[in-house]
Amino acid sequence: MKVSAYMTKDVVTANLRDGLRQTHDRMHERMIRHMPVLGDDGKLAGIITDRDIRRPDFVDTNPDKVDVYAIDDAHTVQQAMSGNPHTVHADDDVKAALNEFLSKGFGALPVIDDDNTVVGLLSAYDLLRAFQDTLNA
């Protein structure tokens, strides 16, 4: 089974300079939790999750206190995203992708082609569909 059979093909992406509020709202409207982030060249630059937006790492710089944080567009996707994300290719076997998910604790992986262009997104939900197909076979 190939990743291409289960990945989400119509991927919603973010850009480096998008505001966090704007990105949060787009995720909420589309009921998604992960977005690949594209650089100025249109290639994969990172991935951002709803968790990254709700409480970015840059908020709690001092472990002795809790800082107030509000999601707004003053902060950008680039400030909160994870850069250089792990990826899979559309021709990869679903088993190999599953091993990445389990060993690293990912919720989703961008699917790229040989030019580092995003062609899809493989989520834990997509892997459940693959599992269901295996059980029904």
N, C-alpha and C. Protein backbone atom coordinates (compact mmCIF):
# COMPACT_ATOMS: atom_id res chain seq x y z
N MET A 1 0.86 -1.18 0.00
CA MET A 1 0.00 0.00 0.00
C MET A 1 0.89 1.24 0.00
N LYS A 2 0.59 2.13 -0.88
CA LYS A 2 1.37 3.36 -1.03
C LYS A 2 0.73 4.52 -0.28
N VAL A 3 1.56 5.44 0.16
CA VAL A 3 1.09 6.65 0.84
C VAL A 3 0.08 7.40 -0.03
N SER A 4 0.32 7.42 -1.34
CA SER A 4 -0.55 8.17 -2.26
C SER A 4 -2.00 7.71 -2.21
N ALA A 5 -2.24 6.46 -1.83
CA ALA A 5 -3.60 5.94 -1.77
C ALA A 5 -4.38 6.48 -0.58
N TYR A 6 -3.69 7.00 0.43
CA TYR A 6 -4.36 7.42 1.67
C TYR A 6 -4.15 8.88 2.04
N MET A 7 -3.16 9.52 1.45
CA MET A 7 -2.87 10.91 1.83
C MET A 7 -4.00 11.84 1.42
N THR A 8 -4.10 12.94 2.12
CA THR A 8 -5.01 14.01 1.74
C THR A 8 -4.33 14.77 0.62
N LYS A 9 -5.01 14.87 -0.51
CA LYS A 9 -4.39 15.50 -1.68
C LYS A 9 -4.68 16.99 -1.78
N ASP A 10 -5.83 17.41 -1.32
CA ASP A 10 -6.21 18.82 -1.39
C ASP A 10 -5.75 19.50 -0.10
N VAL A 11 -4.46 19.81 -0.05
CA VAL A 11 -3.84 20.27 1.19
C VAL A 11 -3.96 21.78 1.33
N VAL A 12 -4.36 22.20 2.52
CA VAL A 12 -4.39 23.62 2.88
C VAL A 12 -3.03 23.94 3.47
N THR A 13 -2.39 24.98 2.95
CA THR A 13 -1.05 25.34 3.41
C THR A 13 -1.04 26.73 4.02
N ALA A 14 0.00 27.00 4.77
CA ALA A 14 0.25 28.33 5.33
C ALA A 14 1.53 28.87 4.72
N ASN A 15 1.72 30.16 4.85
CA ASN A 15 2.96 30.81 4.42
C ASN A 15 3.69 31.34 5.63
N LEU A 16 4.97 31.53 5.49
CA LEU A 16 5.82 31.95 6.61
C LEU A 16 5.33 33.20 7.31
N ARG A 17 4.83 34.16 6.56
CA ARG A 17 4.44 35.45 7.14
C ARG A 17 2.96 35.54 7.50
N ASP A 18 2.22 34.46 7.35
CA ASP A 18 0.82 34.47 7.77
C ASP A 18 0.74 34.69 9.27
N GLY A 19 -0.27 35.43 9.71
CA GLY A 19 -0.48 35.65 11.14
C GLY A 19 -1.04 34.41 11.80
N LEU A 20 -0.76 34.26 13.09
CA LEU A 20 -1.24 33.09 13.82
C LEU A 20 -2.76 33.07 13.97
N ARG A 21 -3.39 34.22 14.17
CA ARG A 21 -4.85 34.27 14.28
C ARG A 21 -5.47 33.84 12.96
N GLN A 22 -4.96 34.40 11.87
CA GLN A 22 -5.46 34.05 10.53
C GLN A 22 -5.33 32.54 10.29
N THR A 23 -4.19 32.00 10.64
CA THR A 23 -3.94 30.57 10.42
C THR A 23 -4.83 29.72 11.32
N HIS A 24 -4.98 30.12 12.56
CA HIS A 24 -5.87 29.41 13.49
C HIS A 24 -7.29 29.39 12.93
N ASP A 25 -7.76 30.53 12.45
CA ASP A 25 -9.12 30.61 11.91
C ASP A 25 -9.29 29.71 10.70
N ARG A 26 -8.28 29.66 9.81
CA ARG A 26 -8.35 28.79 8.63
C ARG A 26 -8.41 27.32 9.04
N MET A 27 -7.63 26.97 10.05
CA MET A 27 -7.66 25.58 10.53
C MET A 27 -9.03 25.25 11.12
N HIS A 28 -9.54 26.15 11.91
CA HIS A 28 -10.84 25.94 12.55
C HIS A 28 -11.95 25.80 11.51
N GLU A 29 -11.95 26.68 10.52
CA GLU A 29 -12.98 26.63 9.46
C GLU A 29 -12.95 25.32 8.70
N ARG A 30 -11.76 24.79 8.48
CA ARG A 30 -11.62 23.57 7.68
C ARG A 30 -11.52 22.30 8.53
N MET A 31 -11.59 22.49 9.86
CA MET A 31 -11.52 21.37 10.81
C MET A 31 -10.26 20.52 10.58
N ILE A 32 -9.11 21.20 10.53
CA ILE A 32 -7.84 20.51 10.38
C ILE A 32 -6.91 20.92 11.53
N ARG A 33 -5.90 20.10 11.79
CA ARG A 33 -4.99 20.37 12.90
C ARG A 33 -3.55 20.55 12.47
N HIS A 34 -3.24 20.30 11.20
CA HIS A 34 -1.87 20.38 10.70
C HIS A 34 -1.85 21.08 9.35
N MET A 35 -0.88 21.94 9.17
CA MET A 35 -0.72 22.62 7.88
C MET A 35 0.75 22.67 7.50
N PRO A 36 1.09 22.19 6.32
CA PRO A 36 2.44 22.42 5.82
C PRO A 36 2.64 23.93 5.61
N VAL A 37 3.86 24.39 5.82
CA VAL A 37 4.18 25.80 5.65
C VAL A 37 5.11 25.92 4.44
N LEU A 38 4.74 26.81 3.54
CA LEU A 38 5.53 27.02 2.33
C LEU A 38 6.39 28.27 2.46
N GLY A 39 7.60 28.17 1.94
CA GLY A 39 8.48 29.33 1.89
C GLY A 39 8.15 30.20 0.70
N ASP A 40 8.90 31.26 0.54
CA ASP A 40 8.68 32.19 -0.57
C ASP A 40 8.84 31.51 -1.93
N ASP A 41 9.60 30.44 -1.98
CA ASP A 41 9.81 29.71 -3.23
C ASP A 41 8.73 28.67 -3.50
N GLY A 42 7.74 28.57 -2.60
CA GLY A 42 6.65 27.60 -2.77
C GLY A 42 7.00 26.20 -2.31
N LYS A 43 8.20 26.02 -1.78
CA LYS A 43 8.64 24.71 -1.30
C LYS A 43 8.37 24.58 0.20
N LEU A 44 8.38 23.35 0.68
CA LEU A 44 8.11 23.08 2.09
C LEU A 44 9.17 23.73 2.97
N ALA A 45 8.71 24.52 3.93
CA ALA A 45 9.61 25.18 4.88
C ALA A 45 9.39 24.67 6.31
N GLY A 46 8.22 24.09 6.58
CA GLY A 46 7.92 23.63 7.93
C GLY A 46 6.52 23.08 8.01
N ILE A 47 6.08 22.86 9.24
CA ILE A 47 4.71 22.42 9.50
C ILE A 47 4.25 23.12 10.78
N ILE A 48 2.99 23.48 10.81
CA ILE A 48 2.42 24.12 12.00
C ILE A 48 1.17 23.34 12.40
N THR A 49 1.00 23.22 13.70
CA THR A 49 -0.16 22.50 14.23
C THR A 49 -1.01 23.45 15.06
N ASP A 50 -2.23 23.02 15.34
CA ASP A 50 -3.08 23.82 16.20
C ASP A 50 -2.45 23.97 17.58
N ARG A 51 -1.73 22.98 18.03
CA ARG A 51 -1.05 23.06 19.33
C ARG A 51 0.07 24.12 19.30
N ASP A 52 0.80 24.19 18.18
CA ASP A 52 1.84 25.21 18.04
C ASP A 52 1.25 26.61 18.17
N ILE A 53 0.05 26.79 17.64
CA ILE A 53 -0.60 28.10 17.67
C ILE A 53 -1.16 28.41 19.05
N ARG A 54 -1.76 27.42 19.68
CA ARG A 54 -2.37 27.66 21.01
C ARG A 54 -1.36 28.04 22.07
N ARG A 55 -0.16 27.48 22.00
CA ARG A 55 0.87 27.80 23.00
C ARG A 55 2.25 27.61 22.38
N PRO A 56 2.69 28.60 21.58
CA PRO A 56 4.00 28.47 20.93
C PRO A 56 5.15 28.42 21.94
N ASP A 57 6.24 27.80 21.55
CA ASP A 57 7.41 27.69 22.42
C ASP A 57 7.95 29.04 22.85
N PHE A 58 7.80 30.06 22.00
CA PHE A 58 8.38 31.36 22.34
C PHE A 58 7.65 32.06 23.49
N VAL A 59 6.50 31.56 23.90
CA VAL A 59 5.73 32.20 24.97
C VAL A 59 6.36 31.97 26.34
N ASP A 60 6.71 30.74 26.61
CA ASP A 60 7.21 30.39 27.94
C ASP A 60 8.74 30.29 27.95
N THR A 61 9.38 31.43 27.93
CA THR A 61 10.84 31.44 27.92
C THR A 61 11.43 31.34 29.31
N ASN A 62 10.66 31.69 30.33
CA ASN A 62 11.12 31.62 31.70
C ASN A 62 10.36 30.51 32.42
N PRO A 63 11.03 29.43 32.83
CA PRO A 63 10.32 28.30 33.45
C PRO A 63 9.73 28.62 34.82
N ASP A 64 10.07 29.78 35.38
CA ASP A 64 9.57 30.13 36.71
C ASP A 64 8.28 30.93 36.69
N LYS A 65 7.79 31.27 35.50
CA LYS A 65 6.54 32.02 35.43
C LYS A 65 5.77 31.68 34.16
N VAL A 66 4.49 31.94 34.22
CA VAL A 66 3.62 31.71 33.07
C VAL A 66 3.29 33.07 32.46
N ASP A 67 3.58 33.21 31.19
CA ASP A 67 3.31 34.46 30.50
C ASP A 67 1.92 34.44 29.88
N VAL A 68 1.30 35.60 29.83
CA VAL A 68 0.01 35.75 29.17
C VAL A 68 0.25 35.69 27.66
N TYR A 69 -0.64 34.99 26.97
CA TYR A 69 -0.51 34.85 25.52
C TYR A 69 -1.90 34.89 24.90
N ALA A 70 -2.04 35.66 23.86
CA ALA A 70 -3.28 35.70 23.09
C ALA A 70 -2.92 35.45 21.63
N ILE A 71 -3.72 34.63 20.97
CA ILE A 71 -3.48 34.36 19.56
C ILE A 71 -3.85 35.62 18.77
N ASP A 72 -2.86 36.15 18.08
CA ASP A 72 -3.12 37.33 17.25
C ASP A 72 -2.22 37.28 16.02
N ASP A 73 -2.42 38.22 15.13
CA ASP A 73 -1.63 38.26 13.91
C ASP A 73 -0.33 39.03 14.05
N ALA A 74 -0.02 39.49 15.27
CA ALA A 74 1.27 40.14 15.51
C ALA A 74 2.39 39.11 15.45
N HIS A 75 2.05 37.85 15.70
CA HIS A 75 3.02 36.77 15.60
C HIS A 75 2.75 36.00 14.31
N THR A 76 3.82 35.48 13.72
CA THR A 76 3.70 34.81 12.43
C THR A 76 3.86 33.30 12.54
N VAL A 77 3.44 32.64 11.50
CA VAL A 77 3.60 31.20 11.40
C VAL A 77 5.07 30.82 11.54
N GLN A 78 5.95 31.58 10.94
CA GLN A 78 7.38 31.27 11.01
C GLN A 78 7.89 31.23 12.45
N GLN A 79 7.32 32.04 13.32
CA GLN A 79 7.76 32.07 14.72
C GLN A 79 7.31 30.84 15.50
N ALA A 80 6.22 30.21 15.08
CA ALA A 80 5.63 29.11 15.86
C ALA A 80 5.79 27.74 15.23
N MET A 81 6.11 27.67 13.96
CA MET A 81 6.16 26.38 13.24
C MET A 81 7.37 25.55 13.63
N SER A 82 7.32 24.31 13.24
CA SER A 82 8.49 23.42 13.31
C SER A 82 9.14 23.43 11.94
N GLY A 83 10.38 23.84 11.88
CA GLY A 83 11.09 23.86 10.60
C GLY A 83 11.70 22.51 10.28
N ASN A 84 12.06 22.33 9.04
CA ASN A 84 12.68 21.07 8.58
C ASN A 84 11.92 19.84 9.04
N PRO A 85 10.64 19.75 8.70
CA PRO A 85 9.84 18.62 9.19
C PRO A 85 10.23 17.31 8.52
N HIS A 86 9.98 16.23 9.23
CA HIS A 86 10.10 14.91 8.62
C HIS A 86 9.04 14.85 7.52
N THR A 87 9.32 14.11 6.48
CA THR A 87 8.39 14.00 5.35
C THR A 87 8.33 12.56 4.87
N VAL A 88 7.35 12.30 4.02
CA VAL A 88 7.26 11.04 3.29
C VAL A 88 7.00 11.39 1.83
N HIS A 89 7.21 10.41 0.97
CA HIS A 89 6.94 10.57 -0.45
C HIS A 89 5.69 9.77 -0.80
N ALA A 90 5.02 10.19 -1.84
CA ALA A 90 3.78 9.54 -2.26
C ALA A 90 3.99 8.06 -2.58
N ASP A 91 5.17 7.70 -3.08
CA ASP A 91 5.45 6.31 -3.44
C ASP A 91 5.94 5.47 -2.27
N ASP A 92 6.14 6.09 -1.09
CA ASP A 92 6.58 5.33 0.08
C ASP A 92 5.49 4.36 0.51
N ASP A 93 5.92 3.28 1.12
CA ASP A 93 4.98 2.30 1.65
C ASP A 93 4.35 2.84 2.94
N VAL A 94 3.07 2.58 3.11
CA VAL A 94 2.35 3.05 4.29
C VAL A 94 2.98 2.50 5.56
N LYS A 95 3.52 1.28 5.52
CA LYS A 95 4.16 0.70 6.70
C LYS A 95 5.34 1.55 7.17
N ALA A 96 6.14 2.02 6.23
CA ALA A 96 7.29 2.86 6.58
C ALA A 96 6.81 4.16 7.21
N ALA A 97 5.76 4.75 6.66
CA ALA A 97 5.19 5.98 7.22
C ALA A 97 4.66 5.71 8.62
N LEU A 98 3.99 4.60 8.80
CA LEU A 98 3.46 4.24 10.12
C LEU A 98 4.59 4.13 11.15
N ASN A 99 5.70 3.55 10.76
CA ASN A 99 6.83 3.44 11.67
C ASN A 99 7.35 4.82 12.08
N GLU A 100 7.35 5.78 11.15
CA GLU A 100 7.75 7.16 11.47
C GLU A 100 6.78 7.76 12.49
N PHE A 101 5.51 7.58 12.27
CA PHE A 101 4.49 8.09 13.19
C PHE A 101 4.70 7.52 14.59
N LEU A 102 4.88 6.21 14.67
CA LEU A 102 4.99 5.56 15.97
C LEU A 102 6.30 5.87 16.68
N SER A 103 7.39 5.92 15.94
CA SER A 103 8.68 6.14 16.59
C SER A 103 8.89 7.60 17.00
N LYS A 104 8.27 8.52 16.29
CA LYS A 104 8.49 9.94 16.57
C LYS A 104 7.27 10.64 17.19
N GLY A 105 6.13 9.98 17.21
CA GLY A 105 4.93 10.57 17.81
C GLY A 105 4.29 11.66 16.96
N PHE A 106 4.39 11.54 15.65
CA PHE A 106 3.81 12.55 14.76
C PHE A 106 2.31 12.40 14.66
N GLY A 107 1.64 13.52 14.38
CA GLY A 107 0.21 13.51 14.09
C GLY A 107 -0.06 13.61 12.61
N ALA A 108 0.94 14.11 11.87
CA ALA A 108 0.82 14.24 10.41
C ALA A 108 2.20 14.45 9.82
N LEU A 109 2.35 14.05 8.58
CA LEU A 109 3.60 14.26 7.85
C LEU A 109 3.29 14.83 6.47
N PRO A 110 4.01 15.88 6.08
CA PRO A 110 3.85 16.37 4.71
C PRO A 110 4.34 15.31 3.72
N VAL A 111 3.64 15.22 2.61
CA VAL A 111 4.03 14.32 1.52
C VAL A 111 4.62 15.22 0.43
N ILE A 112 5.85 14.93 0.05
CA ILE A 112 6.53 15.77 -0.94
C ILE A 112 6.96 14.95 -2.14
N ASP A 113 7.26 15.67 -3.23
CA ASP A 113 7.85 15.01 -4.39
C ASP A 113 9.36 15.23 -4.34
N ASP A 114 10.06 14.84 -5.39
CA ASP A 114 11.52 14.94 -5.40
C ASP A 114 12.03 16.37 -5.41
N ASP A 115 11.16 17.33 -5.74
CA ASP A 115 11.55 18.75 -5.76
C ASP A 115 11.18 19.47 -4.47
N ASN A 116 10.79 18.72 -3.44
CA ASN A 116 10.39 19.30 -2.15
C ASN A 116 9.10 20.11 -2.25
N THR A 117 8.29 19.77 -3.23
CA THR A 117 6.98 20.39 -3.40
C THR A 117 5.94 19.54 -2.67
N VAL A 118 5.07 20.19 -1.90
CA VAL A 118 4.05 19.47 -1.16
C VAL A 118 2.98 18.96 -2.12
N VAL A 119 2.75 17.64 -2.06
CA VAL A 119 1.73 17.02 -2.90
C VAL A 119 0.61 16.41 -2.08
N GLY A 120 0.77 16.43 -0.75
CA GLY A 120 -0.25 15.87 0.11
C GLY A 120 0.14 15.97 1.57
N LEU A 121 -0.73 15.44 2.41
CA LEU A 121 -0.48 15.37 3.84
C LEU A 121 -1.00 14.03 4.32
N LEU A 122 -0.19 13.32 5.08
CA LEU A 122 -0.60 12.04 5.64
C LEU A 122 -0.81 12.23 7.13
N SER A 123 -2.04 12.01 7.58
CA SER A 123 -2.36 12.20 9.00
C SER A 123 -2.59 10.85 9.67
N ALA A 124 -2.66 10.89 10.99
CA ALA A 124 -2.96 9.68 11.75
C ALA A 124 -4.32 9.13 11.32
N TYR A 125 -5.27 10.02 11.02
CA TYR A 125 -6.59 9.59 10.54
C TYR A 125 -6.45 8.83 9.22
N ASP A 126 -5.60 9.32 8.34
CA ASP A 126 -5.38 8.63 7.06
C ASP A 126 -4.83 7.22 7.29
N LEU A 127 -3.94 7.10 8.27
CA LEU A 127 -3.39 5.77 8.59
C LEU A 127 -4.46 4.84 9.17
N LEU A 128 -5.41 5.40 9.89
CA LEU A 128 -6.52 4.58 10.38
C LEU A 128 -7.36 4.04 9.22
N ARG A 129 -7.52 4.86 8.19
CA ARG A 129 -8.25 4.37 7.00
C ARG A 129 -7.48 3.22 6.33
N ALA A 130 -6.16 3.32 6.28
CA ALA A 130 -5.34 2.24 5.72
C ALA A 130 -5.50 0.98 6.57
N PHE A 131 -5.49 1.14 7.87
CA PHE A 131 -5.68 0.01 8.77
C PHE A 131 -7.04 -0.64 8.56
N GLN A 132 -8.06 0.20 8.40
CA GLN A 132 -9.40 -0.33 8.16
C GLN A 132 -9.44 -1.15 6.87
N ASP A 133 -8.79 -0.64 5.82
CA ASP A 133 -8.75 -1.39 4.57
C ASP A 133 -8.04 -2.74 4.74
N THR A 134 -6.99 -2.75 5.56
CA THR A 134 -6.28 -3.98 5.82
C THR A 134 -7.17 -4.98 6.56
N LEU A 135 -7.94 -4.50 7.52
CA LEU A 135 -8.84 -5.37 8.26
C LEU A 135 -9.96 -5.91 7.38
N ASN A 136 -10.39 -5.10 6.42
CA ASN A 136 -11.51 -5.50 5.55
C ASN A 136 -11.07 -6.34 4.37
N ALA A 137 -9.75 -6.50 4.21
CA ALA A 137 -9.25 -7.27 3.04
C ALA A 137 -9.41 -8.77 3.24
